[in-house]
Amino acid sequence: MSALKSIYLGNLPLTAAEDDVRRLFEPFGEVANVLLIIDRETGQSRGFGFVKMAPAAADAAIDALDGVDYEGHVLRVNEARDRGSTPPRRSW
C-alpha cells in the first residue's frame, strides 16, 4: 500500500468501538488503522479518533461521511492535520 492519509473522525458516540468504525469506513476502501482516543482517567472513549486509508479511499470516505448521522451523532470527518500545523495558543 502506498502512502496513507490520516482522517480525523469527531463526534462519535461514546459507545463506538474500533470494529464499528472500521465497518463504517470499509465500503470506501481498505482501512489500514483505526485509533479511538480513550480518556486515561476514566478509560472511556473521548468521542473522536483517527482512521488511516489510501488517499483516494480516504477522500471518498471524507466526502461521503462528513455530516452524516451515525447513531444520533452528526459525524465530523476531515483530513487530519499534524499537531504542529495549528497556530500556537496565546496567553494573555
PDB file of N, CA and C in Angstrom:
ATOM      1  N   MET A   1       0.847  -1.169   0.000  1.00  0.00           N
ATOM      2  CA  MET A   1       0.000   0.000   0.000  1.00  0.00           C
ATOM      3  C   MET A   1       0.895   1.236   0.000  1.00  0.00           C
ATOM      4  N   SER A   2       0.540   2.233  -0.784  1.00  0.00           N
ATOM      5  CA  SER A   2       1.334   3.454  -0.858  1.00  0.00           C
ATOM      6  C   SER A   2       1.100   4.298   0.392  1.00  0.00           C
ATOM      7  N   ALA A   3       1.525   5.528   0.348  1.00  0.00           N
ATOM      8  CA  ALA A   3       1.373   6.428   1.497  1.00  0.00           C
ATOM      9  C   ALA A   3      -0.090   6.484   1.932  1.00  0.00           C
ATOM     10  N   LEU A   4      -0.294   6.555   3.233  1.00  0.00           N
ATOM     11  CA  LEU A   4      -1.641   6.567   3.788  1.00  0.00           C
ATOM     12  C   LEU A   4      -2.037   7.977   4.185  1.00  0.00           C
ATOM     13  N   LYS A   5      -3.327   8.226   4.142  1.00  0.00           N
ATOM     14  CA  LYS A   5      -3.864   9.513   4.579  1.00  0.00           C
ATOM     15  C   LYS A   5      -4.570   9.286   5.904  1.00  0.00           C
ATOM     16  N   SER A   6      -4.348  10.195   6.841  1.00  0.00           N
ATOM     17  CA  SER A   6      -4.973  10.120   8.154  1.00  0.00           C
ATOM     18  C   SER A   6      -6.241  10.964   8.155  1.00  0.00           C
ATOM     19  N   ILE A   7      -7.319  10.371   8.648  1.00  0.00           N
ATOM     20  CA  ILE A   7      -8.631  11.017   8.694  1.00  0.00           C
ATOM     21  C   ILE A   7      -9.005  11.257  10.154  1.00  0.00           C
ATOM     22  N   TYR A   8      -9.449  12.471  10.454  1.00  0.00           N
ATOM     23  CA  TYR A   8      -9.972  12.785  11.781  1.00  0.00           C
ATOM     24  C   TYR A   8     -11.458  12.451  11.786  1.00  0.00           C
ATOM     25  N   LEU A   9     -11.907  11.791  12.824  1.00  0.00           N
ATOM     26  CA  LEU A   9     -13.306  11.411  12.966  1.00  0.00           C
ATOM     27  C   LEU A   9     -13.792  11.917  14.313  1.00  0.00           C
ATOM     28  N   GLY A  10     -14.681  12.900  14.293  1.00  0.00           N
ATOM     29  CA  GLY A  10     -15.155  13.514  15.524  1.00  0.00           C
ATOM     30  C   GLY A  10     -16.642  13.336  15.736  1.00  0.00           C
ATOM     31  N   ASN A  11     -17.072  13.596  16.958  1.00  0.00           N
ATOM     32  CA  ASN A  11     -18.460  13.499  17.404  1.00  0.00           C
ATOM     33  C   ASN A  11     -18.989  12.065  17.328  1.00  0.00           C
ATOM     34  N   LEU A  12     -18.113  11.123  17.639  1.00  0.00           N
ATOM     35  CA  LEU A  12     -18.506   9.710  17.687  1.00  0.00           C
ATOM     36  C   LEU A  12     -19.326   9.430  18.941  1.00  0.00           C
ATOM     37  N   PRO A  13     -20.265   8.503  18.848  1.00  0.00           N
ATOM     38  CA  PRO A  13     -20.926   8.062  20.085  1.00  0.00           C
ATOM     39  C   PRO A  13     -19.873   7.438  21.003  1.00  0.00           C
ATOM     40  N   LEU A  14     -20.015   7.636  22.281  1.00  0.00           N
ATOM     41  CA  LEU A  14     -19.027   7.106  23.226  1.00  0.00           C
ATOM     42  C   LEU A  14     -19.011   5.586  23.250  1.00  0.00           C
ATOM     43  N   THR A  15     -20.060   4.971  22.715  1.00  0.00           N
ATOM     44  CA  THR A  15     -20.147   3.512  22.679  1.00  0.00           C
ATOM     45  C   THR A  15     -19.499   2.906  21.437  1.00  0.00           C
ATOM     46  N   ALA A  16     -19.057   3.726  20.489  1.00  0.00           N
ATOM     47  CA  ALA A  16     -18.467   3.218  19.245  1.00  0.00           C
ATOM     48  C   ALA A  16     -17.150   2.500  19.530  1.00  0.00           C
ATOM     49  N   ALA A  17     -16.986   1.340  18.924  1.00  0.00           N
ATOM     50  CA  ALA A  17     -15.760   0.549  19.067  1.00  0.00           C
ATOM     51  C   ALA A  17     -14.967   0.608  17.761  1.00  0.00           C
ATOM     52  N   GLU A  18     -13.709   0.182  17.824  1.00  0.00           N
ATOM     53  CA  GLU A  18     -12.857   0.198  16.628  1.00  0.00           C
ATOM     54  C   GLU A  18     -13.479  -0.601  15.492  1.00  0.00           C
ATOM     55  N   ASP A  19     -14.079  -1.736  15.785  1.00  0.00           N
ATOM     56  CA  ASP A  19     -14.705  -2.551  14.738  1.00  0.00           C
ATOM     57  C   ASP A  19     -15.872  -1.815  14.092  1.00  0.00           C
ATOM     58  N   ASP A  20     -16.636  -1.046  14.874  1.00  0.00           N
ATOM     59  CA  ASP A  20     -17.747  -0.262  14.328  1.00  0.00           C
ATOM     60  C   ASP A  20     -17.229   0.783  13.340  1.00  0.00           C
ATOM     61  N   VAL A  21     -16.164   1.453  13.716  1.00  0.00           N
ATOM     62  CA  VAL A  21     -15.580   2.486  12.853  1.00  0.00           C
ATOM     63  C   VAL A  21     -15.004   1.852  11.593  1.00  0.00           C
ATOM     64  N   ARG A  22     -14.342   0.713  11.750  1.00  0.00           N
ATOM     65  CA  ARG A  22     -13.785   0.013  10.584  1.00  0.00           C
ATOM     66  C   ARG A  22     -14.900  -0.344   9.597  1.00  0.00           C
ATOM     67  N   ARG A  23     -16.017  -0.873  10.108  1.00  0.00           N
ATOM     68  CA  ARG A  23     -17.144  -1.226   9.224  1.00  0.00           C
ATOM     69  C   ARG A  23     -17.742   0.008   8.547  1.00  0.00           C
ATOM     70  N   LEU A  24     -17.710   1.142   9.228  1.00  0.00           N
ATOM     71  CA  LEU A  24     -18.238   2.383   8.660  1.00  0.00           C
ATOM     72  C   LEU A  24     -17.397   2.846   7.472  1.00  0.00           C
ATOM     73  N   PHE A  25     -16.078   2.661   7.552  1.00  0.00           N
ATOM     74  CA  PHE A  25     -15.167   3.155   6.516  1.00  0.00           C
ATOM     75  C   PHE A  25     -14.853   2.138   5.424  1.00  0.00           C
ATOM     76  N   GLU A  26     -15.020   0.834   5.674  1.00  0.00           N
ATOM     77  CA  GLU A  26     -14.633  -0.194   4.707  1.00  0.00           C
ATOM     78  C   GLU A  26     -15.322  -0.104   3.347  1.00  0.00           C
ATOM     79  N   PRO A  27     -16.565   0.378   3.242  1.00  0.00           N
ATOM     80  CA  PRO A  27     -17.156   0.485   1.898  1.00  0.00           C
ATOM     81  C   PRO A  27     -16.370   1.396   0.949  1.00  0.00           C
ATOM     82  N   PHE A  28     -15.481   2.236   1.476  1.00  0.00           N
ATOM     83  CA  PHE A  28     -14.737   3.181   0.648  1.00  0.00           C
ATOM     84  C   PHE A  28     -13.337   2.686   0.309  1.00  0.00           C
ATOM     85  N   GLY A  29     -12.912   1.593   0.929  1.00  0.00           N
ATOM     86  CA  GLY A  29     -11.592   1.036   0.654  1.00  0.00           C
ATOM     87  C   GLY A  29     -11.016   0.376   1.891  1.00  0.00           C
ATOM     88  N   GLU A  30      -9.832  -0.184   1.734  1.00  0.00           N
ATOM     89  CA  GLU A  30      -9.179  -0.893   2.833  1.00  0.00           C
ATOM     90  C   GLU A  30      -8.798   0.079   3.949  1.00  0.00           C
ATOM     91  N   VAL A  31      -9.141  -0.285   5.163  1.00  0.00           N
ATOM     92  CA  VAL A  31      -8.806   0.507   6.341  1.00  0.00           C
ATOM     93  C   VAL A  31      -7.511  -0.067   6.922  1.00  0.00           C
ATOM     94  N   ALA A  32      -6.465   0.752   6.943  1.00  0.00           N
ATOM     95  CA  ALA A  32      -5.173   0.289   7.446  1.00  0.00           C
ATOM     96  C   ALA A  32      -5.110   0.338   8.968  1.00  0.00           C
ATOM     97  N   ASN A  33      -5.761   1.339   9.568  1.00  0.00           N
ATOM     98  CA  ASN A  33      -5.645   1.511  11.011  1.00  0.00           C
ATOM     99  C   ASN A  33      -6.810   2.332  11.534  1.00  0.00           C
ATOM    100  N   VAL A  34      -7.300   1.972  12.727  1.00  0.00           N
ATOM    101  CA  VAL A  34      -8.311   2.744  13.444  1.00  0.00           C
ATOM    102  C   VAL A  34      -7.770   2.995  14.843  1.00  0.00           C
ATOM    103  N   LEU A  35      -7.807   4.257  15.266  1.00  0.00           N
ATOM    104  CA  LEU A  35      -7.353   4.624  16.605  1.00  0.00           C
ATOM    105  C   LEU A  35      -8.424   5.495  17.249  1.00  0.00           C
ATOM    106  N   LEU A  36      -9.072   4.976  18.280  1.00  0.00           N
ATOM    107  CA  LEU A  36     -10.036   5.759  19.044  1.00  0.00           C
ATOM    108  C   LEU A  36      -9.338   6.282  20.285  1.00  0.00           C
ATOM    109  N   ILE A  37      -9.568   7.540  20.600  1.00  0.00           N
ATOM    110  CA  ILE A  37      -8.888   8.173  21.727  1.00  0.00           C
ATOM    111  C   ILE A  37      -9.673   7.886  23.011  1.00  0.00           C
ATOM    112  N   ILE A  38      -8.951   7.371  23.994  1.00  0.00           N
ATOM    113  CA  ILE A  38      -9.543   6.950  25.267  1.00  0.00           C
ATOM    114  C   ILE A  38      -9.037   7.865  26.380  1.00  0.00           C
ATOM    115  N   ASP A  39      -9.935   8.268  27.265  1.00  0.00           N
ATOM    116  CA  ASP A  39      -9.577   9.086  28.421  1.00  0.00           C
ATOM    117  C   ASP A  39      -8.746   8.248  29.391  1.00  0.00           C
ATOM    118  N   ARG A  40      -7.601   8.739  29.798  1.00  0.00           N
ATOM    119  CA  ARG A  40      -6.702   7.989  30.686  1.00  0.00           C
ATOM    120  C   ARG A  40      -7.315   7.718  32.050  1.00  0.00           C
ATOM    121  N   GLU A  41      -8.043   8.678  32.556  1.00  0.00           N
ATOM    122  CA  GLU A  41      -8.575   8.538  33.911  1.00  0.00           C
ATOM    123  C   GLU A  41      -9.802   7.642  33.984  1.00  0.00           C
ATOM    124  N   THR A  42     -10.705   7.779  33.003  1.00  0.00           N
ATOM    125  CA  THR A  42     -11.960   7.019  33.060  1.00  0.00           C
ATOM    126  C   THR A  42     -11.921   5.744  32.247  1.00  0.00           C
ATOM    127  N   GLY A  43     -11.025   5.677  31.264  1.00  0.00           N
ATOM    128  CA  GLY A  43     -10.972   4.512  30.387  1.00  0.00           C
ATOM    129  C   GLY A  43     -12.073   4.504  29.335  1.00  0.00           C
ATOM    130  N   GLN A  44     -12.844   5.595  29.249  1.00  0.00           N
ATOM    131  CA  GLN A  44     -13.930   5.680  28.269  1.00  0.00           C
ATOM    132  C   GLN A  44     -13.483   6.468  27.040  1.00  0.00           C
ATOM    133  N   SER A  45     -14.181   6.234  25.948  1.00  0.00           N
ATOM    134  CA  SER A  45     -13.908   6.955  24.711  1.00  0.00           C
ATOM    135  C   SER A  45     -14.093   8.452  24.919  1.00  0.00           C
ATOM    136  N   ARG A  46     -13.285   9.236  24.219  1.00  0.00           N
ATOM    137  CA  ARG A  46     -13.427  10.687  24.271  1.00  0.00           C
ATOM    138  C   ARG A  46     -14.278  11.195  23.107  1.00  0.00           C
ATOM    139  N   GLY A  47     -14.767  10.294  22.259  1.00  0.00           N
ATOM    140  CA  GLY A  47     -15.676  10.678  21.190  1.00  0.00           C
ATOM    141  C   GLY A  47     -15.013  11.096  19.890  1.00  0.00           C
ATOM    142  N   PHE A  48     -13.720  10.803  19.755  1.00  0.00           N
ATOM    143  CA  PHE A  48     -13.062  11.080  18.480  1.00  0.00           C
ATOM    144  C   PHE A  48     -11.936  10.089  18.254  1.00  0.00           C
ATOM    145  N   GLY A  49     -11.454  10.063  17.015  1.00  0.00           N
ATOM    146  CA  GLY A  49     -10.383   9.139  16.684  1.00  0.00           C
ATOM    147  C   GLY A  49      -9.834   9.417  15.303  1.00  0.00           C
ATOM    148  N   PHE A  50      -9.047   8.477  14.809  1.00  0.00           N
ATOM    149  CA  PHE A  50      -8.369   8.626  13.532  1.00  0.00           C
ATOM    150  C   PHE A  50      -8.438   7.314  12.759  1.00  0.00           C
ATOM    151  N   VAL A  51      -8.542   7.443  11.442  1.00  0.00           N
ATOM    152  CA  VAL A  51      -8.569   6.296  10.538  1.00  0.00           C
ATOM    153  C   VAL A  51      -7.515   6.545   9.475  1.00  0.00           C
ATOM    154  N   LYS A  52      -6.749   5.514   9.114  1.00  0.00           N
ATOM    155  CA  LYS A  52      -5.763   5.635   8.040  1.00  0.00           C
ATOM    156  C   LYS A  52      -6.185   4.772   6.873  1.00  0.00           C
ATOM    157  N   MET A  53      -6.169   5.397   5.687  1.00  0.00           N
ATOM    158  CA  MET A  53      -6.559   4.723   4.444  1.00  0.00           C
ATOM    159  C   MET A  53      -5.706   5.265   3.304  1.00  0.00           C
ATOM    160  N   ALA A  54      -5.764   4.574   2.162  1.00  0.00           N
ATOM    161  CA  ALA A  54      -5.129   5.085   0.952  1.00  0.00           C
ATOM    162  C   ALA A  54      -5.770   6.429   0.599  1.00  0.00           C
ATOM    163  N   PRO A  55      -5.024   7.357  -0.010  1.00  0.00           N
ATOM    164  CA  PRO A  55      -5.545   8.699  -0.263  1.00  0.00           C
ATOM    165  C   PRO A  55      -6.877   8.754  -1.018  1.00  0.00           C
ATOM    166  N   ALA A  56      -7.036   8.000  -2.088  1.00  0.00           N
ATOM    167  CA  ALA A  56      -8.286   8.051  -2.854  1.00  0.00           C
ATOM    168  C   ALA A  56      -9.460   7.537  -2.026  1.00  0.00           C
ATOM    169  N   ALA A  57      -9.245   6.458  -1.281  1.00  0.00           N
ATOM    170  CA  ALA A  57     -10.295   5.906  -0.428  1.00  0.00           C
ATOM    171  C   ALA A  57     -10.623   6.874   0.705  1.00  0.00           C
ATOM    172  N   ALA A  58      -9.598   7.505   1.261  1.00  0.00           N
ATOM    173  CA  ALA A  58      -9.806   8.472   2.342  1.00  0.00           C
ATOM    174  C   ALA A  58     -10.632   9.653   1.845  1.00  0.00           C
ATOM    175  N   ASP A  59     -10.305  10.169   0.676  1.00  0.00           N
ATOM    176  CA  ASP A  59     -11.061  11.306   0.115  1.00  0.00           C
ATOM    177  C   ASP A  59     -12.521  10.928  -0.106  1.00  0.00           C
ATOM    178  N   ALA A  60     -12.763   9.729  -0.613  1.00  0.00           N
ATOM    179  CA  ALA A  60     -14.140   9.269  -0.843  1.00  0.00           C
ATOM    180  C   ALA A  60     -14.894   9.139   0.476  1.00  0.00           C
ATOM    181  N   ALA A  61     -14.228   8.608   1.503  1.00  0.00           N
ATOM    182  CA  ALA A  61     -14.858   8.448   2.813  1.00  0.00           C
ATOM    183  C   ALA A  61     -15.171   9.801   3.439  1.00  0.00           C
ATOM    184  N   ILE A  62     -14.242  10.741   3.332  1.00  0.00           N
ATOM    185  CA  ILE A  62     -14.461  12.084   3.875  1.00  0.00           C
ATOM    186  C   ILE A  62     -15.670  12.728   3.210  1.00  0.00           C
ATOM    187  N   ASP A  63     -15.719  12.669   1.872  1.00  0.00           N
ATOM    188  CA  ASP A  63     -16.841  13.269   1.130  1.00  0.00           C
ATOM    189  C   ASP A  63     -18.175  12.637   1.511  1.00  0.00           C
ATOM    190  N   ALA A  64     -18.177  11.326   1.707  1.00  0.00           N
ATOM    191  CA  ALA A  64     -19.430  10.615   1.958  1.00  0.00           C
ATOM    192  C   ALA A  64     -19.886  10.680   3.417  1.00  0.00           C
ATOM    193  N   LEU A  65     -18.956  10.740   4.365  1.00  0.00           N
ATOM    194  CA  LEU A  65     -19.324  10.583   5.777  1.00  0.00           C
ATOM    195  C   LEU A  65     -19.391  11.880   6.575  1.00  0.00           C
ATOM    196  N   ASP A  66     -18.775  12.952   6.101  1.00  0.00           N
ATOM    197  CA  ASP A  66     -18.805  14.202   6.864  1.00  0.00           C
ATOM    198  C   ASP A  66     -20.240  14.723   6.937  1.00  0.00           C
ATOM    199  N   GLY A  67     -20.731  14.927   8.148  1.00  0.00           N
ATOM    200  CA  GLY A  67     -22.086  15.440   8.350  1.00  0.00           C
ATOM    201  C   GLY A  67     -23.168  14.383   8.402  1.00  0.00           C
ATOM    202  N   VAL A  68     -22.792  13.116   8.289  1.00  0.00           N
ATOM    203  CA  VAL A  68     -23.759  12.016   8.314  1.00  0.00           C
ATOM    204  C   VAL A  68     -24.166  11.724   9.756  1.00  0.00           C
ATOM    205  N   ASP A  69     -25.445  11.385   9.951  1.00  0.00           N
ATOM    206  CA  ASP A  69     -25.936  10.990  11.272  1.00  0.00           C
ATOM    207  C   ASP A  69     -25.545   9.535  11.518  1.00  0.00           C
ATOM    208  N   TYR A  70     -24.836   9.288  12.619  1.00  0.00           N
ATOM    209  CA  TYR A  70     -24.411   7.944  12.998  1.00  0.00           C
ATOM    210  C   TYR A  70     -24.820   7.728  14.446  1.00  0.00           C
ATOM    211  N   GLU A  71     -25.808   6.894  14.650  1.00  0.00           N
ATOM    212  CA  GLU A  71     -26.336   6.583  15.975  1.00  0.00           C
ATOM    213  C   GLU A  71     -26.679   7.852  16.768  1.00  0.00           C
ATOM    214  N   GLY A  72     -27.316   8.799  16.071  1.00  0.00           N
ATOM    215  CA  GLY A  72     -27.754  10.023  16.727  1.00  0.00           C
ATOM    216  C   GLY A  72     -26.699  11.105  16.851  1.00  0.00           C
ATOM    217  N   HIS A  73     -25.537  10.895  16.269  1.00  0.00           N
ATOM    218  CA  HIS A  73     -24.453  11.881  16.302  1.00  0.00           C
ATOM    219  C   HIS A  73     -24.106  12.292  14.880  1.00  0.00           C
ATOM    220  N   VAL A  74     -24.019  13.582  14.637  1.00  0.00           N
ATOM    221  CA  VAL A  74     -23.610  14.067  13.317  1.00  0.00           C
ATOM    222  C   VAL A  74     -22.083  14.028  13.275  1.00  0.00           C
ATOM    223  N   LEU A  75     -21.551  13.149  12.423  1.00  0.00           N
ATOM    224  CA  LEU A  75     -20.106  12.938  12.366  1.00  0.00           C
ATOM    225  C   LEU A  75     -19.379  14.127  11.753  1.00  0.00           C
ATOM    226  N   ARG A  76     -18.195  14.371  12.263  1.00  0.00           N
ATOM    227  CA  ARG A  76     -17.289  15.348  11.664  1.00  0.00           C
ATOM    228  C   ARG A  76     -16.113  14.539  11.123  1.00  0.00           C
ATOM    229  N   VAL A  77     -15.938  14.565   9.817  1.00  0.00           N
ATOM    230  CA  VAL A  77     -14.915  13.746   9.164  1.00  0.00           C
ATOM    231  C   VAL A  77     -14.114  14.644   8.228  1.00  0.00           C
ATOM    232  N   ASN A  78     -12.808  14.739   8.467  1.00  0.00           N
ATOM    233  CA  ASN A  78     -11.951  15.516   7.570  1.00  0.00           C
ATOM    234  C   ASN A  78     -10.520  15.005   7.643  1.00  0.00           C
ATOM    235  N   GLU A  79      -9.681  15.530   6.771  1.00  0.00           N
ATOM    236  CA  GLU A  79      -8.284  15.113   6.778  1.00  0.00           C
ATOM    237  C   GLU A  79      -7.636  15.607   8.064  1.00  0.00           C
ATOM    238  N   ALA A  80      -6.932  14.702   8.728  1.00  0.00           N
ATOM    239  CA  ALA A  80      -6.267  15.058   9.987  1.00  0.00           C
ATOM    240  C   ALA A  80      -5.100  15.996   9.702  1.00  0.00           C
ATOM    241  N   ARG A  81      -4.919  16.957  10.593  1.00  0.00           N
ATOM    242  CA  ARG A  81      -3.782  17.878  10.481  1.00  0.00           C
ATOM    243  C   ARG A  81      -2.713  17.448  11.468  1.00  0.00           C
ATOM    244  N   ASP A  82      -1.479  17.740  11.122  1.00  0.00           N
ATOM    245  CA  ASP A  82      -0.383  17.493  12.061  1.00  0.00           C
ATOM    246  C   ASP A  82      -0.572  18.398  13.265  1.00  0.00           C
ATOM    247  N   ARG A  83      -0.218  17.913  14.425  1.00  0.00           N
ATOM    248  CA  ARG A  83      -0.365  18.723  15.636  1.00  0.00           C
ATOM    249  C   ARG A  83       0.409  20.028  15.535  1.00  0.00           C
ATOM    250  N   GLY A  84       1.537  20.004  14.853  1.00  0.00           N
ATOM    251  CA  GLY A  84       2.354  21.207  14.731  1.00  0.00           C
ATOM    252  C   GLY A  84       1.815  22.216  13.743  1.00  0.00           C
ATOM    253  N   SER A  85       0.768  21.883  12.991  1.00  0.00           N
ATOM    254  CA  SER A  85       0.278  22.791  11.957  1.00  0.00           C
ATOM    255  C   SER A  85      -0.731  23.801  12.484  1.00  0.00           C
ATOM    256  N   THR A  86      -1.114  23.706  13.739  1.00  0.00           N
ATOM    257  CA  THR A  86      -2.041  24.683  14.300  1.00  0.00           C
ATOM    258  C   THR A  86      -1.250  25.838  14.878  1.00  0.00           C
ATOM    259  N   PRO A  87      -1.795  27.045  14.807  1.00  0.00           N
ATOM    260  CA  PRO A  87      -1.050  28.178  15.364  1.00  0.00           C
ATOM    261  C   PRO A  87      -0.907  28.040  16.872  1.00  0.00           C
ATOM    262  N   PRO A  88       0.157  28.587  17.425  1.00  0.00           N
ATOM    263  CA  PRO A  88       0.347  28.489  18.875  1.00  0.00           C
ATOM    264  C   PRO A  88      -0.713  29.279  19.623  1.00  0.00           C
ATOM    265  N   ARG A  89      -1.064  28.788  20.796  1.00  0.00           N
ATOM    266  CA  ARG A  89      -2.035  29.494  21.624  1.00  0.00           C
ATOM    267  C   ARG A  89      -1.379  30.712  22.262  1.00  0.00           C
ATOM    268  N   ARG A  90      -2.162  31.738  22.392  1.00  0.00           N
ATOM    269  CA  ARG A  90      -1.644  32.944  23.045  1.00  0.00           C
ATOM    270  C   ARG A  90      -2.090  32.962  24.484  1.00  0.00           C
ATOM    271  N   SER A  91      -1.214  33.396  25.336  1.00  0.00           N
ATOM    272  CA  SER A  91      -1.622  33.564  26.738  1.00  0.00           C
ATOM    273  C   SER A  91      -1.669  35.069  27.004  1.00  0.00           C
ATOM    274  N   TRP A  92      -2.719  35.482  27.586  1.00  0.00           N
ATOM    275  CA  TRP A  92      -2.903  36.916  27.824  1.00  0.00           C
ATOM    276  C   TRP A  92      -2.533  37.248  29.203  1.00  0.00           C
TER     277      TRP A  92
END
